[in-house]
Amino acid sequence: MFVITINKRKITRAAAVAICIVAVGAAGIGLKSFFEKDSATAATPKKAKMTTTQDMVDYIAQKGFTADMQTAQVAEVQIPKKFDDSFNAFNEKIKQNDGLSLEKYKGDKVNKWTFEIIGYDESDTKAVAVLLIRKEKLVGAYILEKPDGIAKPMVKQNQDAGLEQTSAEGEMLTEAEKTAVIAELTAEDGMPTE
């Protein structure tokens, strides 16, 4: 048998130490979850609500482009129920933008918002930013060059230098094949030509 003698001073110290340990632990957990939440929010803007055209213009600006809010247009389009090779290639471009994908939305109707881009590039190529929104959630985003109708991931020109168009099998496409792929993505399919 053993005997422990405790006086008020020892109890007070032990309680103070325990409270400090709990407080430091809680603060550490709180800071960790705060920073994880911040980095998750910054990394996945696709979870952000797109309720106003200003939200959309701000998103496009985050990608390095200046959208002309005065040119905003919206149309309801339907994502195909089945993706062929060309639509799979198109969806791959969308995936390069924050990991968005149209896979979960096969057959669904979405709002297709377009905004002209101011100062797209030095060669005077015109382009529009396209945001696909379903129930105030961004489900797809891409750049559509005019008049060629070439769809590109929504990344700033100097950032997309390493991104080449590829087939569904991962092979590089020739210019003629790129044009054929874009031509197959008709308005009937709901993407990406107008």
N, C-alpha and C. Protein backbone atom coordinates (compact mmCIF):
# COMPACT_ATOMS: atom_id res chain seq x y z
N MET A 1 0.84 -1.16 0.00
CA MET A 1 0.00 0.00 0.00
C MET A 1 0.89 1.23 0.00
N PHE A 2 0.41 2.27 -0.69
CA PHE A 2 1.15 3.53 -0.72
C PHE A 2 0.20 4.67 -0.41
N VAL A 3 0.77 5.74 0.06
CA VAL A 3 -0.01 6.89 0.50
C VAL A 3 0.48 8.12 -0.26
N ILE A 4 -0.45 8.90 -0.79
CA ILE A 4 -0.11 10.14 -1.48
C ILE A 4 -0.64 11.28 -0.64
N THR A 5 0.21 12.24 -0.42
CA THR A 5 -0.21 13.41 0.34
C THR A 5 -0.33 14.56 -0.65
N ILE A 6 -1.48 15.19 -0.66
CA ILE A 6 -1.72 16.31 -1.58
C ILE A 6 -2.20 17.48 -0.75
N ASN A 7 -1.58 18.60 -1.01
CA ASN A 7 -2.08 19.80 -0.36
C ASN A 7 -2.69 20.72 -1.42
N LYS A 8 -3.27 21.82 -0.97
CA LYS A 8 -3.95 22.74 -1.88
C LYS A 8 -3.00 23.30 -2.94
N ARG A 9 -1.79 23.58 -2.57
CA ARG A 9 -0.85 24.18 -3.50
C ARG A 9 -0.52 23.22 -4.64
N LYS A 10 -0.34 21.94 -4.34
CA LYS A 10 -0.06 20.94 -5.37
C LYS A 10 -1.26 20.76 -6.29
N ILE A 11 -2.46 20.78 -5.75
CA ILE A 11 -3.68 20.65 -6.56
C ILE A 11 -3.80 21.85 -7.50
N THR A 12 -3.55 23.03 -7.00
CA THR A 12 -3.65 24.25 -7.80
C THR A 12 -2.64 24.22 -8.95
N ARG A 13 -1.40 23.81 -8.67
CA ARG A 13 -0.38 23.72 -9.72
C ARG A 13 -0.77 22.68 -10.77
N ALA A 14 -1.20 21.51 -10.32
CA ALA A 14 -1.59 20.44 -11.25
C ALA A 14 -2.75 20.90 -12.13
N ALA A 15 -3.72 21.57 -11.53
CA ALA A 15 -4.87 22.06 -12.30
C ALA A 15 -4.43 23.11 -13.31
N ALA A 16 -3.54 24.01 -12.91
CA ALA A 16 -3.05 25.05 -13.81
C ALA A 16 -2.29 24.43 -14.98
N VAL A 17 -1.44 23.45 -14.69
CA VAL A 17 -0.69 22.77 -15.75
C VAL A 17 -1.64 22.05 -16.70
N ALA A 18 -2.64 21.36 -16.17
CA ALA A 18 -3.61 20.65 -17.00
C ALA A 18 -4.39 21.61 -17.89
N ILE A 19 -4.80 22.74 -17.33
CA ILE A 19 -5.54 23.74 -18.11
C ILE A 19 -4.66 24.29 -19.23
N CYS A 20 -3.40 24.55 -18.93
CA CYS A 20 -2.47 25.05 -19.96
C CYS A 20 -2.29 24.03 -21.07
N ILE A 21 -2.14 22.77 -20.72
CA ILE A 21 -1.95 21.71 -21.72
C ILE A 21 -3.19 21.60 -22.61
N VAL A 22 -4.35 21.61 -22.01
CA VAL A 22 -5.60 21.54 -22.77
C VAL A 22 -5.74 22.76 -23.68
N ALA A 23 -5.44 23.95 -23.17
CA ALA A 23 -5.57 25.19 -23.96
C ALA A 23 -4.62 25.19 -25.14
N VAL A 24 -3.36 24.77 -24.91
CA VAL A 24 -2.38 24.73 -26.00
C VAL A 24 -2.81 23.70 -27.05
N GLY A 25 -3.28 22.55 -26.61
CA GLY A 25 -3.75 21.52 -27.54
C GLY A 25 -4.93 22.00 -28.37
N ALA A 26 -5.89 22.63 -27.71
CA ALA A 26 -7.07 23.14 -28.42
C ALA A 26 -6.68 24.22 -29.41
N ALA A 27 -5.78 25.10 -29.00
CA ALA A 27 -5.32 26.16 -29.90
C ALA A 27 -4.62 25.56 -31.11
N GLY A 28 -3.80 24.55 -30.89
CA GLY A 28 -3.10 23.88 -32.00
C GLY A 28 -4.07 23.23 -32.97
N ILE A 29 -5.06 22.54 -32.44
CA ILE A 29 -6.07 21.91 -33.29
C ILE A 29 -6.88 22.96 -34.03
N GLY A 30 -7.23 24.03 -33.35
CA GLY A 30 -7.99 25.10 -33.98
C GLY A 30 -7.22 25.76 -35.10
N LEU A 31 -5.94 26.05 -34.88
CA LEU A 31 -5.12 26.66 -35.92
C LEU A 31 -4.94 25.72 -37.10
N LYS A 32 -4.73 24.44 -36.80
CA LYS A 32 -4.55 23.47 -37.88
C LYS A 32 -5.78 23.41 -38.76
N SER A 33 -6.96 23.31 -38.16
CA SER A 33 -8.18 23.24 -38.96
C SER A 33 -8.44 24.55 -39.68
N PHE A 34 -8.08 25.69 -39.07
CA PHE A 34 -8.24 26.99 -39.72
C PHE A 34 -7.40 27.05 -40.98
N PHE A 35 -6.12 26.67 -40.88
CA PHE A 35 -5.24 26.74 -42.04
C PHE A 35 -5.61 25.70 -43.09
N GLU A 36 -6.02 24.53 -42.68
CA GLU A 36 -6.45 23.52 -43.64
C GLU A 36 -7.69 24.00 -44.39
N LYS A 37 -8.62 24.63 -43.68
CA LYS A 37 -9.83 25.14 -44.31
C LYS A 37 -9.49 26.24 -45.30
N ASP A 38 -8.57 27.14 -44.93
CA ASP A 38 -8.16 28.22 -45.82
C ASP A 38 -7.50 27.68 -47.08
N SER A 39 -6.57 26.73 -46.92
CA SER A 39 -5.89 26.20 -48.09
C SER A 39 -6.84 25.38 -48.95
N ALA A 40 -7.77 24.68 -48.34
CA ALA A 40 -8.75 23.92 -49.13
C ALA A 40 -9.65 24.85 -49.91
N THR A 41 -10.06 25.95 -49.30
CA THR A 41 -10.90 26.91 -49.98
C THR A 41 -10.16 27.55 -51.15
N ALA A 42 -8.89 27.90 -50.94
CA ALA A 42 -8.11 28.52 -52.00
C ALA A 42 -7.85 27.54 -53.13
N ALA A 43 -7.66 26.27 -52.81
CA ALA A 43 -7.33 25.29 -53.82
C ALA A 43 -8.54 24.82 -54.61
N THR A 44 -9.72 24.95 -54.05
CA THR A 44 -10.90 24.45 -54.74
C THR A 44 -11.99 25.50 -54.84
N PRO A 45 -11.78 26.53 -55.68
CA PRO A 45 -12.81 27.54 -55.83
C PRO A 45 -14.07 26.99 -56.47
N LYS A 46 -14.01 25.76 -57.02
CA LYS A 46 -15.19 25.19 -57.64
C LYS A 46 -16.32 24.99 -56.63
N LYS A 47 -16.00 24.94 -55.33
CA LYS A 47 -17.03 24.76 -54.32
C LYS A 47 -17.72 26.07 -53.97
N ALA A 48 -17.12 27.17 -54.43
CA ALA A 48 -17.69 28.48 -54.14
C ALA A 48 -19.01 28.65 -54.91
N LYS A 49 -19.92 29.35 -54.31
CA LYS A 49 -21.20 29.63 -54.97
C LYS A 49 -20.98 30.69 -56.03
N MET A 50 -21.61 30.50 -57.16
CA MET A 50 -21.58 31.48 -58.25
C MET A 50 -23.00 32.03 -58.36
N THR A 51 -23.29 33.03 -57.55
CA THR A 51 -24.65 33.56 -57.51
C THR A 51 -24.82 34.85 -58.30
N THR A 52 -23.72 35.57 -58.55
CA THR A 52 -23.82 36.83 -59.29
C THR A 52 -22.80 36.84 -60.42
N THR A 53 -23.02 37.74 -61.38
CA THR A 53 -22.04 37.87 -62.45
C THR A 53 -20.71 38.37 -61.90
N GLN A 54 -20.74 39.13 -60.82
CA GLN A 54 -19.49 39.59 -60.21
C GLN A 54 -18.69 38.41 -59.67
N ASP A 55 -19.36 37.41 -59.09
CA ASP A 55 -18.66 36.20 -58.63
C ASP A 55 -17.95 35.53 -59.80
N MET A 56 -18.63 35.49 -60.94
CA MET A 56 -18.07 34.85 -62.13
C MET A 56 -16.88 35.64 -62.66
N VAL A 57 -17.02 36.95 -62.75
CA VAL A 57 -15.92 37.80 -63.22
C VAL A 57 -14.73 37.69 -62.28
N ASP A 58 -14.97 37.62 -60.99
CA ASP A 58 -13.89 37.47 -60.02
C ASP A 58 -13.17 36.14 -60.21
N TYR A 59 -13.91 35.08 -60.47
CA TYR A 59 -13.30 33.77 -60.71
C TYR A 59 -12.40 33.82 -61.94
N ILE A 60 -12.91 34.43 -63.01
CA ILE A 60 -12.12 34.55 -64.24
C ILE A 60 -10.86 35.37 -63.98
N ALA A 61 -10.98 36.41 -63.17
CA ALA A 61 -9.82 37.24 -62.82
C ALA A 61 -8.78 36.43 -62.04
N GLN A 62 -9.24 35.52 -61.17
CA GLN A 62 -8.32 34.66 -60.43
C GLN A 62 -7.49 33.80 -61.37
N LYS A 63 -8.04 33.52 -62.54
CA LYS A 63 -7.35 32.70 -63.54
C LYS A 63 -6.44 33.53 -64.43
N GLY A 64 -6.41 34.86 -64.21
CA GLY A 64 -5.48 35.72 -64.93
C GLY A 64 -6.07 36.43 -66.13
N PHE A 65 -7.39 36.43 -66.28
CA PHE A 65 -8.03 37.07 -67.42
C PHE A 65 -8.93 38.21 -66.94
N THR A 66 -9.17 39.16 -67.84
CA THR A 66 -10.08 40.26 -67.54
C THR A 66 -11.34 40.06 -68.37
N ALA A 67 -12.45 39.80 -67.71
CA ALA A 67 -13.72 39.57 -68.39
C ALA A 67 -14.49 40.88 -68.47
N ASP A 68 -15.15 41.09 -69.60
CA ASP A 68 -16.00 42.26 -69.79
C ASP A 68 -17.40 41.90 -69.31
N MET A 69 -17.79 42.40 -68.14
CA MET A 69 -19.09 42.06 -67.55
C MET A 69 -20.25 42.49 -68.44
N GLN A 70 -20.05 43.55 -69.23
CA GLN A 70 -21.12 44.06 -70.10
C GLN A 70 -21.48 43.06 -71.21
N THR A 71 -20.60 42.11 -71.50
CA THR A 71 -20.85 41.15 -72.58
C THR A 71 -21.42 39.83 -72.07
N ALA A 72 -21.74 39.77 -70.80
CA ALA A 72 -22.23 38.51 -70.21
C ALA A 72 -23.48 38.02 -70.92
N GLN A 73 -23.47 36.74 -71.25
CA GLN A 73 -24.63 36.08 -71.85
C GLN A 73 -24.81 34.74 -71.18
N VAL A 74 -26.05 34.29 -71.12
CA VAL A 74 -26.32 33.00 -70.52
C VAL A 74 -27.28 32.23 -71.41
N ALA A 75 -27.05 30.93 -71.50
CA ALA A 75 -27.94 30.03 -72.25
C ALA A 75 -27.97 28.71 -71.51
N GLU A 76 -29.11 28.06 -71.55
CA GLU A 76 -29.22 26.74 -70.93
C GLU A 76 -28.81 25.70 -71.98
N VAL A 77 -27.88 24.83 -71.60
CA VAL A 77 -27.42 23.76 -72.49
C VAL A 77 -27.48 22.43 -71.73
N GLN A 78 -27.49 21.37 -72.49
CA GLN A 78 -27.54 20.04 -71.87
C GLN A 78 -26.23 19.33 -72.14
N ILE A 79 -25.66 18.77 -71.10
CA ILE A 79 -24.44 17.98 -71.24
C ILE A 79 -24.86 16.63 -71.80
N PRO A 80 -24.13 16.12 -72.80
CA PRO A 80 -24.51 14.84 -73.41
C PRO A 80 -24.59 13.71 -72.38
N LYS A 81 -25.50 12.78 -72.62
CA LYS A 81 -25.64 11.63 -71.72
C LYS A 81 -24.48 10.66 -71.88
N LYS A 82 -23.94 10.58 -73.10
CA LYS A 82 -22.79 9.72 -73.37
C LYS A 82 -21.69 10.58 -73.96
N PHE A 83 -20.48 10.38 -73.47
CA PHE A 83 -19.33 11.13 -73.97
C PHE A 83 -18.62 10.30 -75.04
N ASP A 84 -18.46 10.88 -76.23
CA ASP A 84 -17.65 10.22 -77.24
C ASP A 84 -16.20 10.65 -77.04
N ASP A 85 -15.29 10.21 -77.90
CA ASP A 85 -13.87 10.53 -77.73
C ASP A 85 -13.62 12.04 -77.73
N SER A 86 -14.29 12.75 -78.63
CA SER A 86 -14.04 14.19 -78.72
C SER A 86 -14.56 14.90 -77.47
N PHE A 87 -15.69 14.46 -76.92
CA PHE A 87 -16.20 15.11 -75.71
C PHE A 87 -15.34 14.74 -74.51
N ASN A 88 -14.80 13.52 -74.50
CA ASN A 88 -13.86 13.15 -73.43
C ASN A 88 -12.63 14.04 -73.48
N ALA A 89 -12.13 14.33 -74.70
CA ALA A 89 -10.97 15.22 -74.85
C ALA A 89 -11.33 16.62 -74.35
N PHE A 90 -12.53 17.08 -74.65
CA PHE A 90 -13.00 18.38 -74.18
C PHE A 90 -13.08 18.39 -72.65
N ASN A 91 -13.61 17.33 -72.06
CA ASN A 91 -13.72 17.24 -70.60
C ASN A 91 -12.33 17.25 -69.95
N GLU A 92 -11.33 16.68 -70.62
CA GLU A 92 -9.96 16.71 -70.09
C GLU A 92 -9.46 18.14 -69.97
N LYS A 93 -9.84 19.00 -70.91
CA LYS A 93 -9.45 20.42 -70.83
C LYS A 93 -10.10 21.07 -69.61
N ILE A 94 -11.34 20.71 -69.36
CA ILE A 94 -12.05 21.26 -68.20
C ILE A 94 -11.39 20.77 -66.91
N LYS A 95 -10.94 19.52 -66.89
CA LYS A 95 -10.29 18.97 -65.69
C LYS A 95 -9.01 19.71 -65.34
N GLN A 96 -8.37 20.33 -66.33
CA GLN A 96 -7.14 21.07 -66.07
C GLN A 96 -7.43 22.36 -65.30
N ASN A 97 -8.69 22.66 -65.12
CA ASN A 97 -9.10 23.87 -64.43
C ASN A 97 -9.69 23.50 -63.08
N ASP A 98 -8.88 23.47 -62.06
CA ASP A 98 -9.30 23.17 -60.68
C ASP A 98 -9.88 21.78 -60.52
N GLY A 99 -9.59 20.86 -61.43
CA GLY A 99 -10.09 19.51 -61.30
C GLY A 99 -11.58 19.36 -61.57
N LEU A 100 -12.17 20.36 -62.20
CA LEU A 100 -13.60 20.28 -62.53
C LEU A 100 -13.81 19.17 -63.55
N SER A 101 -15.00 18.61 -63.59
CA SER A 101 -15.31 17.56 -64.55
C SER A 101 -16.82 17.54 -64.80
N LEU A 102 -17.18 17.19 -66.02
CA LEU A 102 -18.60 17.12 -66.37
C LEU A 102 -19.15 15.70 -66.22
N GLU A 103 -18.31 14.76 -65.81
CA GLU A 103 -18.72 13.35 -65.68
C GLU A 103 -19.99 13.18 -64.85
N LYS A 104 -20.05 13.85 -63.70
CA LYS A 104 -21.19 13.68 -62.79
C LYS A 104 -22.47 14.32 -63.32
N TYR A 105 -22.34 15.11 -64.38
CA TYR A 105 -23.49 15.89 -64.85
C TYR A 105 -23.99 15.43 -66.22
N LYS A 106 -23.66 14.20 -66.60
CA LYS A 106 -24.11 13.67 -67.89
C LYS A 106 -25.64 13.74 -67.97
N GLY A 107 -26.12 14.34 -69.04
CA GLY A 107 -27.57 14.45 -69.26
C GLY A 107 -28.22 15.61 -68.53
N ASP A 108 -27.49 16.30 -67.66
CA ASP A 108 -28.05 17.43 -66.91
C ASP A 108 -28.02 18.71 -67.73
N LYS A 109 -28.92 19.61 -67.40
CA LYS A 109 -28.91 20.94 -68.00
C LYS A 109 -28.10 21.86 -67.10
N VAL A 110 -27.29 22.71 -67.73
CA VAL A 110 -26.48 23.68 -67.00
C VAL A 110 -26.63 25.03 -67.66
N ASN A 111 -26.31 26.08 -66.93
CA ASN A 111 -26.28 27.42 -67.50
C ASN A 111 -24.87 27.67 -68.02
N LYS A 112 -24.81 28.04 -69.28
CA LYS A 112 -23.53 28.34 -69.93
C LYS A 112 -23.38 29.86 -69.99
N TRP A 113 -22.51 30.39 -69.14
CA TRP A 113 -22.24 31.83 -69.09
C TRP A 113 -21.02 32.13 -69.93
N THR A 114 -21.10 33.16 -70.78
CA THR A 114 -19.94 33.58 -71.57
C THR A 114 -19.64 35.05 -71.31
N PHE A 115 -18.35 35.34 -71.30
CA PHE A 115 -17.85 36.71 -71.10
C PHE A 115 -16.72 36.93 -72.09
N GLU A 116 -16.76 38.03 -72.84
CA GLU A 116 -15.62 38.36 -73.69
C GLU A 116 -14.43 38.69 -72.81
N ILE A 117 -13.25 38.27 -73.27
CA ILE A 117 -12.02 38.53 -72.53
C ILE A 117 -11.36 39.76 -73.13
N ILE A 118 -11.00 40.70 -72.28
CA ILE A 118 -10.33 41.91 -72.72
C ILE A 118 -8.84 41.63 -72.82
N GLY A 119 -8.24 41.95 -73.99
CA GLY A 119 -6.79 41.78 -74.17
C GLY A 119 -6.35 40.34 -74.03
N TYR A 120 -7.01 39.43 -74.73
CA TYR A 120 -6.71 37.99 -74.58
C TYR A 120 -5.25 37.68 -74.88
N ASP A 121 -4.75 38.09 -76.05
CA ASP A 121 -3.34 37.88 -76.34
C ASP A 121 -2.83 38.94 -77.32
N GLU A 122 -1.54 38.89 -77.58
CA GLU A 122 -0.89 39.90 -78.41
C GLU A 122 -1.27 39.79 -79.89
N SER A 123 -1.69 38.65 -80.35
CA SER A 123 -1.99 38.46 -81.78
C SER A 123 -3.43 38.84 -82.12
N ASP A 124 -4.09 39.56 -81.25
CA ASP A 124 -5.46 40.03 -81.46
C ASP A 124 -6.47 38.90 -81.64
N THR A 125 -6.16 37.72 -81.14
CA THR A 125 -7.13 36.63 -81.13
C THR A 125 -8.20 37.00 -80.11
N LYS A 126 -9.44 36.85 -80.49
CA LYS A 126 -10.54 37.13 -79.56
C LYS A 126 -10.91 35.82 -78.87
N ALA A 127 -11.41 35.96 -77.65
CA ALA A 127 -11.78 34.77 -76.89
C ALA A 127 -12.87 35.13 -75.89
N VAL A 128 -13.59 34.10 -75.49
CA VAL A 128 -14.58 34.26 -74.43
C VAL A 128 -14.27 33.26 -73.33
N ALA A 129 -14.55 33.67 -72.12
CA ALA A 129 -14.47 32.77 -70.98
C ALA A 129 -15.84 32.13 -70.84
N VAL A 130 -15.86 30.83 -70.66
CA VAL A 130 -17.12 30.11 -70.52
C VAL A 130 -17.16 29.43 -69.16
N LEU A 131 -18.22 29.69 -68.42
CA LEU A 131 -18.43 29.05 -67.13
C LEU A 131 -19.71 28.23 -67.21
N LEU A 132 -19.64 26.99 -66.82
CA LEU A 132 -20.81 26.11 -66.79
C LEU A 132 -21.25 25.99 -65.34
N ILE A 133 -22.47 26.43 -65.08
CA ILE A 133 -22.94 26.51 -63.70
C ILE A 133 -24.24 25.75 -63.55
N ARG A 134 -24.30 24.92 -62.51
CA ARG A 134 -25.50 24.16 -62.19
C ARG A 134 -25.85 24.40 -60.73
N LYS A 135 -27.04 24.90 -60.50
CA LYS A 135 -27.50 25.18 -59.13
C LYS A 135 -26.48 26.02 -58.36
N GLU A 136 -26.03 27.10 -58.99
CA GLU A 136 -25.09 28.06 -58.39
C GLU A 136 -23.72 27.45 -58.09
N LYS A 137 -23.40 26.30 -58.68
CA LYS A 137 -22.11 25.64 -58.47
C LYS A 137 -21.37 25.58 -59.80
N LEU A 138 -20.11 25.98 -59.79
CA LEU A 138 -19.27 25.91 -60.99
C LEU A 138 -18.93 24.45 -61.27
N VAL A 139 -19.31 23.96 -62.46
CA VAL A 139 -19.03 22.57 -62.80
C VAL A 139 -18.05 22.46 -63.96
N GLY A 140 -17.83 23.56 -64.68
CA GLY A 140 -16.89 23.55 -65.79
C GLY A 140 -16.49 24.96 -66.17
N ALA A 141 -15.27 25.10 -66.68
CA ALA A 141 -14.78 26.41 -67.12
C ALA A 141 -13.74 26.18 -68.21
N TYR A 142 -13.78 27.03 -69.24
CA TYR A 142 -12.79 26.95 -70.30
C TYR A 142 -12.77 28.26 -71.07
N ILE A 143 -11.76 28.40 -71.93
CA ILE A 143 -11.62 29.54 -72.82
C ILE A 143 -11.98 29.06 -74.22
N LEU A 144 -12.76 29.84 -74.94
CA LEU A 144 -13.13 29.52 -76.31
C LEU A 144 -12.60 30.61 -77.21
N GLU A 145 -11.60 30.26 -78.05
CA GLU A 145 -11.02 31.24 -78.96
C GLU A 145 -11.94 31.44 -80.16
N LYS A 146 -12.01 32.68 -80.62
CA LYS A 146 -12.84 33.04 -81.77
C LYS A 146 -11.95 33.44 -82.92
N PRO A 147 -12.26 33.21 -84.15
CA PRO A 147 -13.45 32.53 -84.66
C PRO A 147 -13.25 31.03 -84.81
N ASP A 148 -12.05 30.52 -84.45
CA ASP A 148 -11.72 29.11 -84.69
C ASP A 148 -12.53 28.14 -83.84
N GLY A 149 -13.02 28.58 -82.70
CA GLY A 149 -13.78 27.70 -81.83
C GLY A 149 -12.91 26.72 -81.07
N ILE A 150 -11.65 27.07 -80.85
CA ILE A 150 -10.74 26.18 -80.12
C ILE A 150 -10.96 26.38 -78.62
N ALA A 151 -11.26 25.28 -77.95
CA ALA A 151 -11.46 25.30 -76.50
C ALA A 151 -10.12 25.02 -75.82
N LYS A 152 -9.82 25.82 -74.78
CA LYS A 152 -8.58 25.65 -74.03
C LYS A 152 -8.89 25.70 -72.54
N PRO A 153 -8.03 25.10 -71.72
CA PRO A 153 -8.21 25.22 -70.28
C PRO A 153 -8.12 26.69 -69.88
N MET A 154 -8.80 27.06 -68.83
CA MET A 154 -8.77 28.45 -68.38
C MET A 154 -7.54 28.70 -67.53
N VAL A 155 -6.40 28.80 -68.21
CA VAL A 155 -5.15 29.17 -67.57
C VAL A 155 -4.52 30.26 -68.42
N LYS A 156 -3.83 31.19 -67.79
CA LYS A 156 -3.21 32.31 -68.49
C LYS A 156 -2.26 31.79 -69.56
N GLN A 157 -2.16 32.50 -70.67
CA GLN A 157 -1.36 32.07 -71.82
C GLN A 157 0.05 31.64 -71.43
N ASN A 158 0.74 32.41 -70.62
CA ASN A 158 2.10 32.03 -70.27
C ASN A 158 2.14 30.81 -69.36
N GLN A 159 0.99 30.44 -68.77
CA GLN A 159 0.94 29.25 -67.92
C GLN A 159 0.60 28.01 -68.74
N ASP A 160 -0.04 28.19 -69.92
CA ASP A 160 -0.48 27.01 -70.67
C ASP A 160 0.49 26.61 -71.77
N ALA A 161 1.70 27.16 -71.76
CA ALA A 161 2.66 26.84 -72.81
C ALA A 161 2.93 25.34 -72.87
N GLY A 162 2.93 24.65 -71.74
CA GLY A 162 3.21 23.22 -71.72
C GLY A 162 1.99 22.35 -71.95
N LEU A 163 0.82 22.95 -72.08
CA LEU A 163 -0.40 22.16 -72.25
C LEU A 163 -0.71 22.02 -73.74
N GLU A 164 -0.59 20.83 -74.27
CA GLU A 164 -0.87 20.57 -75.67
C GLU A 164 -2.16 19.80 -75.79
N GLN A 165 -2.84 19.97 -76.92
CA GLN A 165 -4.07 19.19 -77.12
C GLN A 165 -3.69 17.76 -77.43
N THR A 166 -4.37 16.83 -76.78
CA THR A 166 -4.10 15.42 -76.99
C THR A 166 -5.40 14.69 -77.26
N SER A 167 -5.27 13.54 -77.86
CA SER A 167 -6.44 12.70 -78.10
C SER A 167 -6.81 12.00 -76.82
N ALA A 168 -7.93 11.26 -76.85
CA ALA A 168 -8.36 10.52 -75.66
C ALA A 168 -7.31 9.49 -75.27
N GLU A 169 -6.49 9.03 -76.25
CA GLU A 169 -5.46 8.04 -75.95
C GLU A 169 -4.17 8.69 -75.47
N GLY A 170 -4.14 10.03 -75.41
CA GLY A 170 -2.96 10.73 -74.93
C GLY A 170 -1.97 11.11 -76.01
N GLU A 171 -2.30 10.86 -77.31
CA GLU A 171 -1.40 11.21 -78.39
C GLU A 171 -1.60 12.66 -78.77
N MET A 172 -0.52 13.30 -79.25
CA MET A 172 -0.60 14.68 -79.69
C MET A 172 -1.48 14.78 -80.93
N LEU A 173 -2.32 15.81 -80.99
CA LEU A 173 -3.18 16.01 -82.14
C LEU A 173 -2.55 16.99 -83.12
N THR A 174 -2.76 16.76 -84.41
CA THR A 174 -2.33 17.71 -85.42
C THR A 174 -3.34 18.86 -85.45
N GLU A 175 -2.98 19.95 -86.14
CA GLU A 175 -3.90 21.09 -86.23
C GLU A 175 -5.22 20.67 -86.88
N ALA A 176 -5.16 19.83 -87.93
CA ALA A 176 -6.38 19.37 -88.60
C ALA A 176 -7.24 18.55 -87.65
N GLU A 177 -6.61 17.70 -86.84
CA GLU A 177 -7.37 16.89 -85.88
C GLU A 177 -7.99 17.76 -84.80
N LYS A 178 -7.25 18.80 -84.35
CA LYS A 178 -7.79 19.72 -83.35
C LYS A 178 -9.05 20.39 -83.88
N THR A 179 -8.98 20.84 -85.14
CA THR A 179 -10.13 21.50 -85.76
C THR A 179 -11.30 20.53 -85.88
N ALA A 180 -11.02 19.27 -86.22
CA ALA A 180 -12.08 18.27 -86.35
C ALA A 180 -12.73 18.00 -85.00
N VAL A 181 -11.92 17.93 -83.95
CA VAL A 181 -12.47 17.69 -82.61
C VAL A 181 -13.40 18.82 -82.22
N ILE A 182 -12.97 20.06 -82.46
CA ILE A 182 -13.79 21.21 -82.10
C ILE A 182 -15.07 21.22 -82.92
N ALA A 183 -14.96 20.88 -84.22
CA ALA A 183 -16.14 20.88 -85.09
C ALA A 183 -17.17 19.87 -84.60
N GLU A 184 -16.72 18.78 -84.00
CA GLU A 184 -17.64 17.75 -83.51
C GLU A 184 -18.38 18.19 -82.25
N LEU A 185 -17.82 19.14 -81.55
CA LEU A 185 -18.46 19.62 -80.31
C LEU A 185 -19.45 20.71 -80.69
N THR A 186 -20.60 20.33 -81.13
CA THR A 186 -21.57 21.27 -81.66
C THR A 186 -22.46 21.81 -80.56
N ALA A 187 -23.24 22.82 -80.93
CA ALA A 187 -24.19 23.39 -79.97
C ALA A 187 -25.22 22.36 -79.57
N GLU A 188 -25.50 21.40 -80.45
CA GLU A 188 -26.43 20.32 -80.11
C GLU A 188 -25.95 19.57 -78.87
N ASP A 189 -24.63 19.37 -78.79
CA ASP A 189 -24.05 18.69 -77.64
C ASP A 189 -24.06 19.59 -76.41
N GLY A 190 -24.26 20.88 -76.65
CA GLY A 190 -24.26 21.81 -75.53
C GLY A 190 -22.89 22.39 -75.25
N MET A 191 -21.86 21.99 -75.94
CA MET A 191 -20.51 22.48 -75.72
C MET A 191 -19.79 22.55 -77.04
N PRO A 192 -18.65 23.12 -77.16
CA PRO A 192 -18.34 24.42 -76.62
C PRO A 192 -18.58 25.51 -77.64
N THR A 193 -18.97 25.15 -78.90
CA THR A 193 -19.18 26.19 -79.92
C THR A 193 -20.49 26.89 -79.70
N GLU A 194 -20.64 28.03 -80.34
CA GLU A 194 -21.87 28.78 -80.18
C GLU A 194 -22.61 28.88 -81.49
